[in-house]
């Protein structure tokens, strides 16, 4: 299949060819070229706070389906390991637990909490054993506050990917956020994962699609800032009481910021509101469907339900309706590519440029 091209000049550029959203080959190629090569949300440290605790999880379930385990080793260091035994491929840890070592319940192979091979019954006669391949693979981790991210194929420097966001929000007390399972939920969307991200990446549609949100934000002051592997949409509020009380150390001190909308390539959204943080993790489930996991972290419960961070369920359903219509529309024989608004769609153009870069590797 021919590669994708997005002209770096947004005034000349055309959007991605629709084959990216409709082709099984493109979807399968994206698993390795985009998702395995990028940083993905793995969990939060509150789930494995004590030494010896272990938490199995699947990285990008329904897409990569990679079995991993977060381990707080005996020295208090957080590690991410392959959760697959190096003997016969059995899953090692099947539920959250406390461990002194990791032992496979299939044939008894044992590993230390740092992933190193320790012992194996009935293997004395095996030559050249153990080898490096008998240790559990270690997966790179990146921590920001209580959030943990993992990367299967090293290459993208975490500081480069997350740096613009962590620096901009350095004043925000990430360590004080409290995860609220009762306010978190999943949404199932009948659209390609990238269409969902594209919709997020431009505020162009807000006056047309989100009546309630448009009443909170000053659309004329809405801006998008581009970074290497992320961008920021800055939502300026119309009402001061629905905005951040920013410290003088903040880069945006003196501005009426109602929301920070950060996107990190390829599929993570970090939405900061005066009440806390809402993370949208877009999980591809097929070429024409995705699951959006909303994780809610509360900082100030008294501010819930106000400002741009109120009514998120309504905003989500309005977005879903639009992107599902687009998924149907791009299958038309009369549509292949569109053009960008130079003023309002810089985020989408940036996203498409990164997709083309990774897909053409």
Protein backbone atom coordinates (compact mmCIF):
# COMPACT_ATOMS: atom_id res chain seq x y z
CA UNK A 1 0.00 0.00 0.00
CA UNK A 2 1.30 3.47 -0.90
CA UNK A 3 2.42 5.71 1.93
CA UNK A 4 0.55 8.69 3.33
CA UNK A 5 1.50 12.28 2.61
CA UNK A 6 0.45 15.41 4.48
CA UNK A 7 1.93 18.65 3.15
CA UNK A 8 3.73 20.51 5.97
CA UNK A 9 2.11 23.72 4.72
CA UNK A 10 -1.39 23.57 6.16
CA UNK A 11 -2.63 26.06 3.55
CA UNK A 12 -1.76 23.56 0.83
CA UNK A 13 -2.34 20.30 2.68
CA UNK A 14 -5.04 17.72 2.23
CA UNK A 15 -6.25 15.45 5.02
CA UNK A 16 -5.36 11.76 5.26
CA UNK A 17 -6.71 9.55 2.52
CA UNK A 18 -9.80 7.68 3.73
CA UNK A 19 -8.04 4.33 3.35
CA UNK A 20 -6.41 5.01 6.72
CA UNK A 21 -9.83 4.76 8.39
CA UNK A 22 -11.37 2.02 6.25
CA UNK A 23 -8.55 -0.45 5.49
CA UNK A 24 -7.89 -3.55 7.61
CA UNK A 25 -4.26 -3.45 6.46
CA UNK A 26 -3.81 0.13 7.71
CA UNK A 27 -5.42 -0.72 11.02
CA UNK A 28 -3.15 -3.71 11.56
CA UNK A 29 -0.05 -1.78 10.49
CA UNK A 30 -0.94 0.98 12.95
CA UNK A 31 -0.83 -1.47 15.85
CA UNK A 32 2.94 -1.90 15.53
CA UNK A 33 3.97 1.31 13.80
CA UNK A 34 1.96 3.69 15.98
CA UNK A 35 0.69 2.07 19.18
CA UNK A 36 3.50 -0.32 20.09
CA UNK A 37 5.97 2.49 19.42
CA UNK A 38 4.20 5.10 21.57
CA UNK A 39 3.68 5.72 25.27
CA UNK A 40 0.41 4.46 26.72
CA UNK A 41 -1.33 4.93 30.06
CA UNK A 42 -0.68 1.88 32.25
CA UNK A 43 -2.30 2.79 35.59
CA UNK A 44 -1.69 4.80 38.74
CA UNK A 45 0.60 4.20 41.68
CA UNK A 46 -2.22 4.08 44.21
CA UNK A 47 -2.99 0.58 42.98
CA UNK A 48 0.48 -0.71 43.92
CA UNK A 49 1.53 1.51 46.81
CA UNK A 50 3.16 -1.12 49.07
CA UNK A 51 6.39 -3.06 48.52
CA UNK A 52 5.73 -6.47 46.97
CA UNK A 53 2.38 -5.50 45.44
CA UNK A 54 1.73 -6.60 41.87
CA UNK A 55 -0.98 -5.55 39.43
CA UNK A 56 -1.50 -7.41 36.13
CA UNK A 57 -2.95 -5.44 33.23
CA UNK A 58 -3.31 -5.59 29.47
CA UNK A 59 -1.78 -2.76 27.48
CA UNK A 60 -4.33 -1.46 24.97
CA UNK A 61 -6.88 -4.28 25.34
CA UNK A 62 -8.60 -5.04 22.07
CA UNK A 63 -5.65 -3.66 20.10
CA UNK A 64 -2.15 -4.61 21.28
CA UNK A 65 -3.45 -6.99 24.00
CA UNK A 66 0.01 -7.15 25.59
CA UNK A 67 0.00 -8.88 29.04
CA UNK A 68 2.09 -6.86 31.50
CA UNK A 69 2.41 -6.57 35.27
CA UNK A 70 3.26 -3.56 37.41
CA UNK A 71 5.41 -4.56 40.39
CA UNK A 72 6.51 -2.58 43.42
CA UNK A 73 9.69 -4.51 44.17
CA UNK A 74 11.22 -5.11 47.59
CA UNK A 75 13.21 -1.88 47.34
CA UNK A 76 10.14 0.20 46.64
CA UNK A 77 10.98 0.65 42.97
CA UNK A 78 8.14 0.48 40.47
CA UNK A 79 8.73 -1.85 37.52
CA UNK A 80 6.76 -2.98 34.51
CA UNK A 81 7.46 -6.55 33.38
CA UNK A 82 6.19 -8.96 30.78
CA UNK A 83 3.51 -11.08 32.44
CA UNK A 84 4.33 -14.13 30.31
CA UNK A 85 6.49 -16.99 31.57
CA UNK A 86 9.64 -17.50 29.49
CA UNK A 87 9.20 -21.30 29.65
CA UNK A 88 5.88 -22.05 27.93
CA UNK A 89 4.11 -18.68 27.76
CA UNK A 90 1.75 -19.03 30.70
CA UNK A 91 0.34 -15.88 32.29
CA UNK A 92 2.16 -15.38 35.58
CA UNK A 93 0.09 -12.96 37.70
CA UNK A 94 -3.67 -13.14 37.22
CA UNK A 95 -4.94 -10.80 39.93
CA UNK A 96 -3.79 -7.96 42.15
CA UNK A 97 -1.72 -9.45 44.98
CA UNK A 98 1.32 -9.18 47.26
CA UNK A 99 4.40 -11.19 46.26
CA UNK A 100 7.92 -12.00 47.44
CA UNK A 101 8.73 -13.51 44.06
CA UNK A 102 6.89 -14.42 40.87
CA UNK A 103 6.31 -18.13 40.39
CA UNK A 104 4.62 -19.70 37.39
CA UNK A 105 1.86 -22.05 38.51
CA UNK A 106 2.23 -24.17 35.35
CA UNK A 107 5.72 -25.67 35.87
CA UNK A 108 7.13 -23.72 38.80
CA UNK A 109 9.57 -21.35 37.10
CA UNK A 110 10.46 -18.57 39.53
CA UNK A 111 11.46 -14.95 38.98
CA UNK A 112 12.58 -12.16 41.28
CA UNK A 113 10.43 -9.03 41.46
CA UNK A 114 12.85 -7.29 39.10
CA UNK A 115 12.14 -9.94 36.46
CA UNK A 116 15.38 -11.92 36.81
CA UNK A 117 15.16 -15.69 36.45
CA UNK A 118 15.70 -17.43 39.83
CA UNK A 119 15.02 -21.15 39.47
CA UNK A 120 13.32 -23.89 37.46
CA UNK A 121 12.53 -27.48 38.53
CA UNK A 122 13.85 -30.41 36.44
CA UNK A 123 16.14 -28.29 34.26
CA UNK A 124 19.62 -29.38 35.41
CA UNK A 125 20.36 -31.17 32.14
CA UNK A 126 19.48 -28.20 29.90
CA UNK A 127 22.56 -26.70 28.21
CA UNK A 128 23.36 -22.98 28.12
CA UNK A 129 20.68 -22.27 30.70
CA UNK A 130 19.63 -19.81 31.94
CA UNK A 131 20.20 -17.29 29.17
CA UNK A 132 19.19 -13.63 28.92
CA UNK A 133 15.97 -14.71 27.21
CA UNK A 134 14.95 -16.59 30.37
CA UNK A 135 14.52 -13.33 32.31
CA UNK A 136 11.23 -11.45 32.06
CA UNK A 137 11.36 -8.54 29.65
CA UNK A 138 11.38 -5.14 31.33
CA UNK A 139 9.14 -2.49 29.80
CA UNK A 140 10.17 1.19 30.08
CA UNK A 141 8.06 3.25 32.49
CA UNK A 142 7.41 6.95 32.88
CA UNK A 143 5.79 8.45 35.98
CA UNK A 144 4.06 11.79 36.38
CA UNK A 145 2.58 12.29 39.79
CA UNK A 146 0.56 9.14 40.44
CA UNK A 147 0.18 8.31 36.74
CA UNK A 148 2.22 5.54 35.10
CA UNK A 149 2.91 5.12 31.38
CA UNK A 150 4.54 2.24 29.48
CA UNK A 151 6.26 1.91 26.10
CA UNK A 152 6.68 -1.47 24.35
CA UNK A 153 9.14 -0.44 21.65
CA UNK A 154 11.74 2.04 22.96
CA UNK A 155 12.46 4.95 20.68
CA UNK A 156 10.30 7.89 21.74
CA UNK A 157 11.93 9.76 24.61
CA UNK A 158 9.36 10.20 27.40
CA UNK A 159 10.68 13.63 28.35
CA UNK A 160 10.20 14.80 24.77
CA UNK A 161 6.69 13.40 24.59
CA UNK A 162 5.39 14.55 27.98
CA UNK A 163 7.72 17.47 28.71
CA UNK A 164 5.60 20.31 27.26
CA UNK A 165 2.61 19.21 29.34
CA UNK A 166 4.47 18.54 32.58
CA UNK A 167 6.31 21.87 32.33
CA UNK A 168 3.16 23.86 31.57
CA UNK A 169 1.32 22.21 34.48
CA UNK A 170 4.28 22.19 36.90
CA UNK A 171 2.25 24.30 39.35
CA UNK A 172 -0.62 21.77 39.40
CA UNK A 173 -0.57 19.41 42.44
CA UNK A 174 -0.59 16.10 40.55
CA UNK A 175 0.23 14.17 43.73
CA UNK A 176 -2.99 15.36 45.40
CA UNK A 177 -5.33 13.95 42.76
CA UNK A 178 -7.68 11.22 43.98
CA UNK A 179 -8.90 8.61 41.50
CA UNK A 180 -12.69 8.29 41.49
CA UNK A 181 -13.91 5.02 40.04
CA UNK A 182 -17.53 6.11 40.56
CA UNK A 183 -17.00 9.07 38.22
CA UNK A 184 -15.09 7.07 35.59
CA UNK A 185 -16.66 5.13 32.74
CA UNK A 186 -16.17 3.68 29.27
CA UNK A 187 -17.83 4.80 26.05
CA UNK A 188 -18.10 2.58 22.98
CA UNK A 189 -17.90 4.51 19.72
CA UNK A 190 -18.65 3.13 16.25
CA UNK A 191 -15.84 5.03 14.59
CA UNK A 192 -12.14 4.73 13.85
CA UNK A 193 -9.96 5.80 16.78
CA UNK A 194 -8.31 8.54 14.73
CA UNK A 195 -11.63 10.17 13.86
CA UNK A 196 -12.35 10.47 17.56
CA UNK A 197 -8.95 12.08 18.16
CA UNK A 198 -9.38 14.46 15.23
CA UNK A 199 -12.65 15.69 16.66
CA UNK A 200 -10.91 16.38 19.98
CA UNK A 201 -8.04 18.20 18.30
CA UNK A 202 -10.00 21.17 17.01
CA UNK A 203 -12.30 23.60 18.75
CA UNK A 204 -13.73 24.52 15.36
CA UNK A 205 -16.83 22.40 15.98
CA UNK A 206 -17.63 23.67 19.49
CA UNK A 207 -20.11 26.45 18.49
CA UNK A 208 -21.90 24.03 16.18
CA UNK A 209 -21.97 20.85 18.26
CA UNK A 210 -21.63 21.80 21.96
CA UNK A 211 -24.16 24.45 22.92
CA UNK A 212 -23.55 24.09 26.67
CA UNK A 213 -19.75 24.09 26.43
CA UNK A 214 -19.84 27.07 24.07
CA UNK A 215 -21.58 29.09 26.75
CA UNK A 216 -18.60 28.55 29.09
CA UNK A 217 -15.73 29.17 26.65
CA UNK A 218 -14.71 32.31 24.78
CA UNK A 219 -14.45 30.83 21.30
CA UNK A 220 -12.67 33.90 19.94
CA UNK A 221 -9.86 33.42 22.47
CA UNK A 222 -9.56 29.64 21.94
CA UNK A 223 -5.99 28.76 20.91
CA UNK A 224 -3.97 25.69 19.92
CA UNK A 225 -0.26 25.30 20.68
CA UNK A 226 1.73 22.58 18.89
CA UNK A 227 4.65 20.60 20.32
CA UNK A 228 6.66 17.64 19.00
CA UNK A 229 4.31 14.83 20.02
CA UNK A 230 1.54 16.72 21.77
CA UNK A 231 -0.49 19.89 21.66
CA UNK A 232 -2.52 22.12 23.94
CA UNK A 233 -5.89 23.69 23.36
CA UNK A 234 -6.34 26.49 25.86
CA UNK A 235 -9.94 27.13 26.83
CA UNK A 236 -10.49 30.70 28.03
CA UNK A 237 -13.59 31.08 30.17
CA UNK A 238 -16.28 33.72 30.02
CA UNK A 239 -16.85 33.66 33.76
CA UNK A 240 -14.04 34.10 36.28
CA UNK A 241 -15.62 31.88 38.91
CA UNK A 242 -15.40 28.88 36.56
CA UNK A 243 -11.67 29.37 35.91
CA UNK A 244 -8.38 28.37 37.53
CA UNK A 245 -6.95 30.48 40.31
CA UNK A 246 -3.48 30.40 38.80
CA UNK A 247 -0.35 31.09 40.86
CA UNK A 248 2.17 33.66 39.69
CA UNK A 249 4.53 30.81 38.77
CA UNK A 250 2.09 29.56 36.11
CA UNK A 251 2.86 30.47 32.50
CA UNK A 252 -0.75 31.56 32.05
CA UNK A 253 -0.99 33.70 35.18
CA UNK A 254 -3.44 36.57 34.67
CA UNK A 255 -5.53 34.72 32.08
CA UNK A 256 -9.05 33.37 32.67
CA UNK A 257 -8.24 29.73 31.90
CA UNK A 258 -11.29 27.48 32.18
CA UNK A 259 -9.63 24.32 30.85
CA UNK A 260 -6.33 22.94 29.62
CA UNK A 261 -6.93 20.36 26.90
CA UNK A 262 -3.70 18.44 26.29
CA UNK A 263 -3.42 15.71 23.68
CA UNK A 264 -0.45 13.32 23.63
CA UNK A 265 0.25 11.25 20.52
CA UNK A 266 -1.41 9.13 19.49
CA UNK A 267 -4.50 8.56 21.64
CA UNK A 268 -4.42 10.21 25.08
CA UNK A 269 -6.23 13.36 26.23
CA UNK A 270 -5.53 15.12 29.54
CA UNK A 271 -8.27 17.59 30.42
CA UNK A 272 -7.45 19.83 33.38
CA UNK A 273 -10.30 21.67 35.09
CA UNK A 274 -10.45 23.61 38.37
CA UNK A 275 -11.95 20.49 39.98
CA UNK A 276 -9.21 18.10 38.77
CA UNK A 277 -8.24 15.96 35.79
CA UNK A 278 -10.21 13.88 33.30
CA UNK A 279 -8.13 11.52 31.14
CA UNK A 280 -9.59 10.15 27.91
CA UNK A 281 -7.71 7.07 26.71
CA UNK A 282 -8.85 6.05 23.23
CA UNK A 283 -8.55 2.27 22.78
CA UNK A 284 -8.80 1.06 19.15
CA UNK A 285 -11.05 -1.99 18.82
CA UNK A 286 -11.11 -2.32 15.02
CA UNK A 287 -10.90 -0.15 11.94
CA UNK A 288 -14.39 1.23 12.58
CA UNK A 289 -14.79 1.15 16.37
CA UNK A 290 -13.04 2.24 19.52
CA UNK A 291 -13.54 2.42 23.27
CA UNK A 292 -12.92 5.65 25.13
CA UNK A 293 -11.99 5.14 28.77
CA UNK A 294 -12.72 8.18 30.94
CA UNK A 295 -10.63 8.26 34.13
CA UNK A 296 -11.60 10.90 36.69
CA UNK A 297 -9.13 12.32 39.23
CA UNK A 298 -10.58 14.85 41.65
CA UNK A 299 -8.65 17.67 43.31
CA UNK A 300 -11.49 19.89 44.61
CA UNK A 301 -14.87 18.18 44.88
CA UNK A 302 -16.65 21.47 45.61
CA UNK A 303 -15.98 22.58 42.02
CA UNK A 304 -17.43 19.49 40.35
CA UNK A 305 -20.36 20.31 38.08
CA UNK A 306 -19.25 23.83 37.20
CA UNK A 307 -17.55 25.50 34.26
CA UNK A 308 -16.08 23.80 31.20
CA UNK A 309 -15.58 20.61 33.21
CA UNK A 310 -19.30 20.16 33.84
CA UNK A 311 -21.61 17.95 31.79
CA UNK A 312 -18.82 15.87 30.30
CA UNK A 313 -21.22 13.02 29.58
CA UNK A 314 -23.37 15.32 27.44
CA UNK A 315 -20.31 16.62 25.56
CA UNK A 316 -19.13 13.05 24.98
CA UNK A 317 -22.45 11.93 23.52
CA UNK A 318 -22.54 14.97 21.23
CA UNK A 319 -19.03 14.11 19.99
CA UNK A 320 -19.92 10.45 19.49
CA UNK A 321 -22.89 11.32 17.30
CA UNK A 322 -20.71 13.45 15.04
CA UNK A 323 -17.76 11.06 14.66
CA UNK A 324 -20.05 8.10 14.01
CA UNK A 325 -21.66 10.08 11.19
CA UNK A 326 -18.21 10.86 9.82
CA UNK A 327 -17.28 7.16 9.94
CA UNK A 328 -20.26 6.43 7.72
CA UNK A 329 -19.58 9.42 5.49
CA UNK A 330 -15.93 8.65 4.69
CA UNK A 331 -16.98 5.35 3.14
CA UNK A 332 -18.71 7.26 0.36
CA UNK A 333 -17.32 6.82 -3.14
CA UNK A 334 -17.48 10.60 -3.50
CA UNK A 335 -15.12 11.46 -0.62
CA UNK A 336 -11.39 10.78 -0.32
CA UNK A 337 -9.75 13.82 1.28
CA UNK A 338 -10.60 17.23 2.67
CA UNK A 339 -8.76 20.49 3.44
CA UNK A 340 -7.85 22.23 6.71
CA UNK A 341 -8.90 25.51 8.23
CA UNK A 342 -5.58 27.32 8.59
CA UNK A 343 -6.88 29.13 11.67
CA UNK A 344 -8.82 26.39 13.44
CA UNK A 345 -7.44 22.97 12.43
CA UNK A 346 -3.73 23.17 13.15
CA UNK A 347 -4.07 20.41 15.76
CA UNK A 348 -5.67 18.03 13.27
CA UNK A 349 -3.03 18.82 10.65
CA UNK A 350 -0.30 18.12 13.24
CA UNK A 351 -1.95 14.81 14.15
CA UNK A 352 -2.21 13.71 10.53
CA UNK A 353 1.43 14.64 9.93
CA UNK A 354 2.52 12.40 12.82
CA UNK A 355 0.34 9.54 11.58
CA UNK A 356 1.94 9.79 8.13
CA UNK A 357 5.40 9.86 9.71
CA UNK A 358 4.82 6.72 11.77
CA UNK A 359 2.86 4.80 9.13
CA UNK A 360 5.53 5.44 6.51
CA UNK A 361 8.34 4.00 8.65
